[in-house]
Protein backbone atom coordinates (compact mmCIF):
# COMPACT_ATOMS: atom_id res chain seq x y z
CA MET A 1 4.58 -14.81 -18.84
CA PRO A 2 2.78 -12.30 -21.12
CA PHE A 3 4.60 -9.10 -22.02
CA GLU A 4 1.81 -6.98 -20.46
CA ILE A 5 2.17 -8.67 -17.06
CA CYS A 6 5.96 -8.29 -17.12
CA LEU A 7 5.49 -4.61 -17.89
CA LEU A 8 3.08 -4.17 -14.96
CA GLN A 9 5.55 -5.89 -12.65
CA ALA A 10 8.33 -3.59 -13.84
CA ILE A 11 6.10 -0.55 -13.21
CA SER A 12 5.29 -1.76 -9.68
CA PHE A 13 8.98 -2.42 -8.94
CA LEU A 14 10.19 0.96 -10.17
CA ASP A 15 7.36 2.73 -8.34
CA LEU A 16 8.31 1.37 -4.91
CA LEU A 17 12.04 1.60 -5.63
CA ALA A 18 11.60 5.34 -6.26
CA VAL A 19 9.43 5.78 -3.17
CA GLY A 20 11.90 3.80 -1.06
CA LEU A 21 14.72 6.09 -2.19
CA ILE A 22 13.20 9.25 -0.71
CA ILE A 23 10.47 8.54 1.86
CA PRO A 24 12.77 7.32 4.68
CA LEU A 25 14.83 10.53 4.24
CA VAL A 26 11.92 12.99 4.45
CA PRO A 27 11.55 13.06 8.28
CA GLY A 28 15.26 13.75 8.76
CA HIS A 29 15.17 16.38 6.02
CA VAL A 30 12.32 18.35 7.62
CA ARG A 31 13.95 18.02 11.04
CA LYS A 32 17.06 19.70 9.61
CA MET A 33 14.78 22.45 8.32
CA GLY A 34 13.65 23.10 11.90
CA ALA A 35 10.42 21.09 12.07
CA ASN A 36 9.39 19.45 15.34
CA HIS A 37 7.98 15.96 15.87
CA ILE A 38 4.42 17.19 15.35
CA TYR A 39 5.24 18.23 11.78
CA VAL A 40 7.02 14.92 11.18
CA GLY A 41 3.91 13.09 12.33
CA LEU A 42 1.73 15.27 10.12
CA LEU A 43 3.72 14.16 7.06
CA GLY A 44 2.44 10.63 7.50
CA SER A 45 -1.06 11.57 8.59
CA ILE A 46 -1.64 14.00 5.70
CA TYR A 47 -0.46 11.45 3.14
CA ALA A 48 -2.61 8.68 4.61
CA GLY A 49 -5.59 11.01 4.92
CA PHE A 50 -5.51 11.96 1.25
CA GLN A 51 -4.96 8.33 0.28
CA LEU A 52 -8.11 7.52 2.23
CA GLY A 53 -10.27 9.87 0.20
CA SER A 54 -8.64 9.45 -3.18
CA GLY A 55 -8.48 5.64 -3.36
CA PRO A 56 -12.10 4.96 -4.34
CA LEU A 57 -12.31 8.17 -6.38
CA ILE A 58 -9.23 7.47 -8.50
CA GLY A 59 -10.27 3.84 -8.79
CA SER A 60 -13.77 4.79 -9.95
CA LEU A 61 -12.34 7.38 -12.34
CA SER A 62 -10.09 4.69 -13.81
CA ASP A 63 -13.15 2.48 -14.37
CA LEU A 64 -14.80 5.30 -16.30
CA LYS A 65 -11.92 6.88 -18.26
CA GLY A 66 -9.53 3.97 -18.64
CA ARG A 67 -6.94 2.66 -16.20
CA ARG A 68 -3.98 3.29 -18.51
CA THR A 69 -4.94 6.94 -19.04
CA ILE A 70 -5.47 7.65 -15.32
CA LEU A 71 -2.26 5.80 -14.39
CA ILE A 72 -0.19 7.90 -16.81
CA LEU A 73 -1.77 11.12 -15.50
CA THR A 74 -1.13 10.27 -11.84
CA LEU A 75 2.47 9.23 -12.54
CA LEU A 76 3.25 12.54 -14.25
CA ILE A 77 1.71 14.55 -11.40
CA CYS A 78 3.72 12.56 -8.84
CA SER A 79 6.89 13.17 -10.87
CA VAL A 80 6.41 16.93 -10.61
CA ALA A 81 5.52 16.74 -6.91
CA TYR A 82 8.59 14.71 -5.94
CA THR A 83 10.87 17.00 -7.94
CA VAL A 84 9.48 20.11 -6.23
CA LEU A 85 9.88 18.31 -2.89
CA GLY A 86 13.64 18.34 -3.42
CA LEU A 87 13.72 22.00 -4.48
CA THR A 88 11.61 23.64 -1.78
CA SER A 89 12.90 24.93 1.55
CA SER A 90 9.44 25.53 3.02
CA ILE A 91 7.94 23.09 5.52
CA LEU A 92 4.45 24.25 4.55
CA VAL A 93 5.09 23.45 0.88
CA ILE A 94 6.36 20.00 1.84
CA LEU A 95 3.16 19.36 3.81
CA LEU A 96 1.09 20.48 0.81
CA LEU A 97 3.11 18.25 -1.52
CA ARG A 98 2.49 15.28 0.78
CA GLY A 99 -1.22 15.96 0.35
CA VAL A 100 -0.86 16.07 -3.45
CA LEU A 101 1.13 12.82 -3.42
CA GLY A 102 -1.37 11.21 -1.07
CA PHE A 103 -4.17 12.01 -3.50
CA PHE A 104 -2.49 11.01 -6.78
CA LYS A 105 0.01 8.30 -5.72
CA GLN A 106 -2.13 5.28 -6.62
CA THR A 107 0.29 3.37 -8.85
CA GLN A 108 0.08 0.05 -7.02
CA MET A 109 -3.71 0.08 -6.90
CA LEU A 110 -4.08 0.94 -10.60
CA ALA A 111 -1.46 -1.62 -11.65
CA LYS A 112 -3.33 -4.33 -9.74
CA ALA A 113 -6.61 -3.24 -11.29
CA LEU A 114 -5.04 -3.63 -14.75
CA VAL A 115 -4.02 -7.26 -14.22
CA PRO A 116 -7.48 -8.81 -14.91
CA ASP A 117 -7.63 -6.80 -18.13
CA TYR A 118 -4.79 -8.96 -19.45
CA GLU A 119 -5.38 -12.23 -17.55
CA ASN A 120 -8.88 -13.49 -16.74
CA ASN A 121 -7.88 -16.76 -15.05
CA GLU A 122 -8.42 -16.26 -11.29
CA GLN A 123 -5.76 -18.75 -10.23
CA LYS A 124 -3.17 -17.14 -12.49
CA GLN A 125 -4.24 -13.71 -11.23
CA ALA A 126 -3.40 -14.78 -7.66
CA GLU A 127 0.07 -15.90 -8.78
CA ILE A 128 0.59 -12.64 -10.68
CA TYR A 129 -0.41 -10.55 -7.67
CA GLY A 130 1.96 -12.54 -5.50
CA LYS A 131 4.89 -12.11 -7.87
CA MET A 132 4.04 -8.45 -8.36
CA ALA A 133 4.06 -7.88 -4.60
CA ALA A 134 7.33 -9.79 -4.31
CA ILE A 135 9.03 -7.76 -7.04
CA SER A 136 7.66 -4.54 -5.56
CA GLY A 137 8.97 -5.65 -2.17
CA VAL A 138 12.46 -5.92 -3.63
CA GLY A 139 12.13 -2.30 -4.77
CA ILE A 140 11.02 -1.02 -1.38
CA THR A 141 13.85 -3.01 0.22
CA LEU A 142 16.59 -1.73 -2.10
CA GLY A 143 15.34 1.87 -2.15
CA PRO A 144 16.13 2.83 1.48
CA MET A 145 19.55 1.18 1.31
CA ILE A 146 20.52 3.05 -1.88
CA GLY A 147 19.07 6.33 -0.64
CA GLY A 148 20.86 5.96 2.69
CA HIS A 149 24.23 5.40 1.02
CA ILE A 150 23.74 8.46 -1.23
CA MET A 151 22.77 10.58 1.76
CA GLU A 152 25.77 9.40 3.77
CA ASP A 153 28.23 10.13 0.94
CA ASN A 154 26.86 13.61 0.25
CA PRO A 155 24.72 14.84 3.19
CA ASN A 156 24.31 18.40 1.90
CA GLY A 157 22.91 18.07 -1.62
CA ALA A 158 21.81 14.42 -1.56
CA PHE A 159 18.12 15.02 -0.86
CA MET A 160 17.71 17.28 -3.91
CA PHE A 161 19.62 14.82 -6.07
CA ILE A 162 17.48 11.91 -4.90
CA ALA A 163 14.28 13.92 -5.50
CA PHE A 164 15.33 14.49 -9.12
CA ILE A 165 16.05 10.76 -9.55
CA VAL A 166 12.62 9.90 -8.14
CA GLY A 167 10.96 12.39 -10.52
CA ILE A 168 12.75 10.78 -13.48
CA CYS A 169 11.68 7.31 -12.29
CA PHE A 170 8.02 8.36 -12.36
CA ILE A 171 8.37 9.84 -15.85
CA PHE A 172 10.00 6.60 -17.02
CA ASN A 173 7.14 4.64 -15.46
CA ALA A 174 4.60 6.77 -17.34
CA ALA A 175 6.48 5.93 -20.55
CA LEU A 176 6.30 2.22 -19.71
CA VAL A 177 2.52 2.46 -19.25
CA CYS A 178 2.27 3.83 -22.80
CA PHE A 179 3.64 0.51 -24.07
CA LEU A 180 0.75 -1.42 -22.52
CA PRO A 181 -1.55 -2.66 -25.31
CA LYS A 182 -5.31 -2.25 -25.35
CA PRO A 183 -6.78 -4.53 -22.65
CA LYS A 184 -7.94 -7.94 -23.85
CA HIS A 185 -10.65 -8.61 -21.32
CA SER A 186 -11.96 -5.16 -20.44
CA LYS A 187 -15.66 -4.63 -20.98
CA LYS A 188 -16.94 -2.34 -23.67
CA PRO A 189 -18.09 1.02 -22.40
CA SER A 190 -21.79 1.40 -21.78
CA LYS A 191 -24.00 3.76 -23.77
CA ARG A 192 -24.12 6.04 -20.75
CA ASN A 193 -20.34 6.32 -20.73
CA LYS A 194 -20.28 6.97 -24.48
CA THR A 195 -22.81 9.76 -24.05
CA LYS A 196 -20.67 11.31 -21.34
CA ASP A 197 -17.64 11.18 -23.60
CA VAL A 198 -19.51 12.97 -26.40
CA LEU A 199 -20.69 15.72 -24.05
CA SER A 200 -17.24 16.16 -22.49
CA GLU A 201 -15.34 17.83 -25.29
CA ASN A 202 -14.16 20.58 -23.02
CA LEU A 203 -11.36 19.42 -20.72
CA VAL A 204 -12.73 21.09 -17.57
CA LEU A 205 -16.26 19.84 -18.26
CA SER A 206 -14.90 16.35 -18.93
CA LEU A 207 -13.11 16.28 -15.59
CA PHE A 208 -16.21 17.54 -13.75
CA ASN A 209 -18.45 14.96 -15.43
CA SER A 210 -16.01 12.16 -14.69
CA PHE A 211 -15.81 12.97 -10.98
CA LYS A 212 -19.59 13.38 -10.82
CA GLN A 213 -20.09 9.98 -12.43
CA SER A 214 -17.48 8.50 -10.07
CA PHE A 215 -19.59 9.53 -7.07
CA VAL A 216 -22.67 8.01 -8.73
CA VAL A 217 -20.81 4.71 -9.18
CA LEU A 218 -19.60 4.79 -5.58
CA TYR A 219 -23.15 5.30 -4.36
CA SER A 220 -24.53 2.47 -6.52
CA ILE A 221 -22.25 -0.22 -5.05
CA ASN A 222 -23.73 -2.58 -2.45
CA TRP A 223 -21.14 -1.88 0.26
CA SER A 224 -22.78 -4.24 2.79
CA LYS A 225 -21.59 -7.10 0.59
CA TYR A 226 -17.96 -6.30 1.38
CA TRP A 227 -18.05 -5.17 5.05
CA ASP A 228 -16.14 -8.18 6.41
CA ILE A 229 -13.32 -7.73 3.89
CA PHE A 230 -12.92 -4.05 4.76
CA LEU A 231 -13.05 -4.82 8.49
CA TYR A 232 -10.29 -7.44 8.20
CA LYS A 233 -8.28 -4.97 6.12
CA ALA A 234 -8.76 -2.29 8.78
CA LEU A 235 -7.68 -4.57 11.63
CA VAL A 236 -4.50 -5.72 9.86
CA GLY A 237 -3.77 -2.18 8.65
CA PHE A 238 -4.14 -0.70 12.13
CA ALA A 239 -2.00 -3.43 13.73
CA MET A 240 0.81 -3.04 11.21
CA GLY A 241 0.47 0.76 11.17
CA VAL A 242 0.99 0.98 14.93
CA TYR A 243 3.86 -1.49 14.74
CA TYR A 244 5.74 0.24 11.91
CA SER A 245 5.19 3.76 13.26
CA ASN A 246 7.19 2.74 16.33
CA TYR A 247 9.49 0.21 14.68
CA ALA A 248 12.85 2.00 14.56
CA LEU A 249 12.42 3.66 17.95
CA TYR A 250 11.51 0.34 19.57
CA LEU A 251 14.63 -1.36 18.18
CA LYS A 252 16.82 1.55 19.24
CA THR A 253 15.52 1.84 22.80
CA THR A 254 15.02 -1.86 23.53
CA TYR A 255 18.06 -3.40 21.82
CA ASP A 256 20.29 -0.32 21.42
CA LEU A 257 20.66 -0.79 17.65
CA SER A 258 22.34 1.86 15.49
CA PRO A 259 20.46 3.27 12.46
CA LYS A 260 22.56 1.10 10.13
CA TYR A 261 21.50 -2.12 11.84
CA VAL A 262 17.91 -0.93 12.09
CA GLY A 263 18.05 -0.59 8.30
CA TYR A 264 19.34 -4.15 8.00
CA VAL A 265 16.44 -5.44 10.11
CA ILE A 266 13.95 -3.49 7.97
CA SER A 267 15.49 -4.89 4.79
CA PHE A 268 15.39 -8.42 6.20
CA GLN A 269 11.69 -8.11 6.95
CA GLY A 270 11.09 -6.70 3.47
CA VAL A 271 12.86 -9.66 1.89
CA MET A 272 10.77 -12.12 3.93
CA GLY A 273 7.59 -10.34 2.84
CA SER A 274 8.69 -10.42 -0.79
CA ILE A 275 9.42 -14.14 -0.66
CA SER A 276 6.01 -14.80 0.89
CA SER A 277 4.28 -12.73 -1.78
CA TYR A 278 6.17 -14.46 -4.56
CA PHE A 279 4.97 -17.88 -3.42
CA ILE A 280 1.34 -16.86 -2.86
CA GLY A 281 0.29 -19.16 -5.70
CA TYR A 282 1.98 -22.11 -3.95
CA ILE A 283 0.41 -21.09 -0.63
CA ASN A 284 -3.04 -20.91 -2.23
CA SER A 285 -2.62 -24.45 -3.54
CA PHE A 286 -3.13 -25.67 0.05
CA TYR A 287 -6.50 -23.89 0.24
CA LYS A 288 -8.32 -25.19 -2.82
CA LYS A 289 -11.48 -25.90 -0.78
CA ASP A 290 -11.36 -22.51 0.93
CA VAL A 291 -13.55 -20.80 -1.65
CA ASP A 292 -14.72 -18.02 0.71
CA TYR A 293 -11.18 -17.32 2.05
CA SER A 294 -12.37 -17.76 5.64
CA LEU A 295 -9.70 -20.34 6.50
CA ARG A 296 -6.92 -18.18 5.05
CA SER A 297 -8.16 -15.17 7.01
CA LEU A 298 -8.18 -17.24 10.19
CA HIS A 299 -4.63 -18.46 9.60
CA VAL A 300 -3.39 -14.93 8.79
CA PHE A 301 -4.69 -13.51 12.08
CA LEU A 302 -3.37 -16.53 13.98
CA LEU A 303 0.09 -16.09 12.45
CA LEU A 304 0.15 -12.35 13.17
CA SER A 305 -1.02 -12.82 16.76
CA ILE A 306 1.62 -15.47 17.49
CA SER A 307 4.35 -13.38 15.82
CA LEU A 308 3.57 -10.21 17.78
CA THR A 309 3.44 -12.21 21.02
CA GLY A 310 6.86 -13.61 20.17
CA LEU A 311 8.22 -10.10 19.56
CA ILE A 312 6.91 -8.99 22.97
CA VAL A 313 8.64 -11.82 24.85
CA SER A 314 11.91 -11.73 22.84
CA ILE A 315 14.93 -11.52 25.13
CA ASN A 316 17.41 -10.35 22.48
CA VAL A 317 17.50 -8.98 18.95
CA TYR A 318 18.22 -12.40 17.44
CA ASN A 319 14.97 -13.81 18.82
CA TYR A 320 13.25 -10.65 17.64
CA VAL A 321 14.50 -11.15 14.07
CA ILE A 322 13.33 -14.78 14.06
CA TRP A 323 9.80 -13.72 14.98
CA LEU A 324 9.86 -11.17 12.17
CA ILE A 325 9.76 -14.00 9.63
CA PRO A 326 6.19 -15.18 10.39
CA LEU A 327 5.11 -11.55 10.93
CA ALA A 328 6.32 -10.54 7.46
CA MET A 329 4.69 -13.63 5.96
CA GLY A 330 1.35 -12.94 7.63
CA ASN A 331 1.36 -9.27 6.66
CA ALA A 332 2.26 -10.00 3.02
CA VAL A 333 -0.31 -12.77 2.63
CA SER A 334 -3.04 -10.70 4.32
CA ARG A 335 -2.74 -7.94 1.71
CA LEU A 336 -3.10 -10.41 -1.14
CA VAL A 337 -5.90 -12.42 0.48
CA THR A 338 -8.07 -9.33 1.00
CA LEU A 339 -7.37 -8.26 -2.58
CA GLU A 340 -8.43 -11.67 -3.91
CA MET A 341 -11.57 -11.57 -1.73
CA VAL A 342 -12.55 -8.23 -3.29
CA LEU A 343 -11.91 -9.49 -6.82
CA LYS A 344 -13.83 -12.73 -6.15
CA ARG A 345 -16.99 -10.89 -5.10
CA SER A 346 -16.82 -7.93 -7.49
CA ASP A 347 -17.72 -7.53 -11.15
CA GLY A 348 -15.44 -5.93 -13.72
CA ASP A 349 -17.23 -2.58 -13.82
CA HIS A 350 -16.58 -1.81 -10.14
CA ARG A 351 -13.22 -3.51 -9.73
CA GLY A 352 -11.09 -0.36 -9.62
CA THR A 353 -13.55 1.34 -7.25
CA LEU A 354 -13.50 -1.54 -4.78
CA ILE A 355 -9.72 -1.95 -4.84
CA GLY A 356 -9.44 1.78 -4.25
CA ALA A 357 -11.89 1.56 -1.35
CA SER A 358 -9.91 -1.34 0.09
CA ASN A 359 -6.71 0.69 -0.06
CA SER A 360 -8.52 3.61 1.57
CA VAL A 361 -9.43 1.43 4.55
CA ARG A 362 -5.75 0.76 5.07
CA SER A 363 -5.03 4.47 4.66
CA LEU A 364 -7.57 5.27 7.38
CA SER A 365 -5.61 2.97 9.65
CA GLY A 366 -2.49 4.85 8.58
CA VAL A 367 -4.05 8.11 9.77
CA VAL A 368 -5.12 6.79 13.17
CA ALA A 369 -2.27 4.38 13.97
CA PRO A 370 0.59 6.94 14.31
CA MET A 371 -1.50 9.04 16.70
CA VAL A 372 -2.35 5.99 18.85
CA ALA A 373 1.30 4.87 18.86
CA GLY A 374 2.45 8.38 19.81
CA PHE A 375 -0.07 8.66 22.63
CA ILE A 376 0.90 5.27 24.11
CA GLY A 377 4.63 5.97 23.71
CA GLN A 378 4.30 9.36 25.36
CA PHE A 379 2.29 8.31 28.41
CA LEU A 380 3.06 4.60 28.87
CA GLY A 381 6.39 4.05 27.15
CA VAL A 382 7.70 2.80 23.82
CA SER A 383 7.69 -0.85 24.88
CA TYR A 384 3.90 -0.83 25.35
CA VAL A 385 3.10 0.29 21.80
CA ILE A 386 3.42 -3.24 20.44
CA TYR A 387 0.49 -4.33 22.64
CA ALA A 388 -1.70 -1.98 20.60
CA SER A 389 -0.61 -3.98 17.53
CA LEU A 390 -1.45 -7.29 19.18
CA ALA A 391 -4.99 -6.31 20.25
CA PRO A 392 -6.54 -5.92 16.74
CA THR A 393 -4.95 -9.14 15.47
CA VAL A 394 -6.43 -11.07 18.41
CA LEU A 395 -9.81 -9.43 17.70
CA GLY A 396 -9.50 -10.43 14.03
CA LEU A 397 -8.61 -13.97 15.07
CA VAL A 398 -11.75 -14.25 17.22
CA MET A 399 -13.97 -12.74 14.50
CA SER A 400 -12.58 -14.89 11.69
CA TYR A 401 -12.94 -18.03 13.84
CA HIS A 402 -16.55 -17.09 14.64
CA TYR A 403 -17.27 -16.39 10.95
CA ARG A 404 -15.79 -19.71 9.80
CA THR A 405 -17.64 -21.66 12.52
CA LYS A 406 -20.90 -19.98 11.50
CA ARG A 407 -20.28 -20.84 7.82
CA LYS A 408 -19.74 -24.50 8.72
CA VAL A 409 -23.03 -24.60 10.64
CA ASP A 410 -24.88 -22.95 7.74
């Protein structure tokens, strides 16, 4: 495997390892500071809301100014934000920092956008994305376990210590990006971009011109060409967002699991997702004739619908864990399938913009899903929240079946 791809995989792994170290600890930290459940919910909603708006903008900016440059800049900003997160004792500052992180934390999106710059074979790209997601999944699985052990051993000063470690991880990642060579397959900048660069000698003016041009690029894209991809992404994102926002509470109330065993279940699901992502190239080998990805979309929604139904009817935690295997597989494959669909239909100039827009669709689901889960849990009960996860997957199953049937007729 090329050195550049290995470096991108290392960056993706370290990024999610660092995030996994601290994010599960933030709600408990703000609760100790005196925050109520509304503030805890706002932490997730603010982050997802800023991710929603910044995804296409950062992606478009990376298309214009270079993905390596923008990735380094965002990593350094996130390093400062996470470090300050461990130092502050103000809930308001923490909420503001979550907004900053939501806007600039686009490492995974930018790393994926860099892959075609170093590998132009579509089949190999699919394998790389799968392995990248698998390696990243290992990071997000190990992070909470390591962070939890540190917090348990030193409950008083552990959060600050972990925040410093996370800040160092992001600085180290920025250093790794510097080792990436000049892209092999990136297109040469247009005359319009060169003119902008000449006019943008002043730093402030350069930033203003870049954002202005980003909006122009966003407006010029034929969004109707990608509506089905974004809709599928929204349905899966909402279903999984509702499910995960109520995950730990559901396990605790339904099966009376302690936080330690809840962590084990989360890690198990992460491992299953990583394995599925790693073998995405092998999975795609069964769909060589599925050039429009309609069959894969149908199978993803079918797998998710069956898995969630199995979770609903599970009589004990062991049955529940068994049904997590196909759920993790379906969720992992769905993320990669929608990414490949975007890359298949897009051209190189708009690749970062479209990947950013795709991530923003999932972020929109992340804003809405916790509120829906909270409303259902408050008025109907925790056990009914999972039905809100099942509904969009069934809708996606019906739509993808209708789409594939229509394609066959055409």
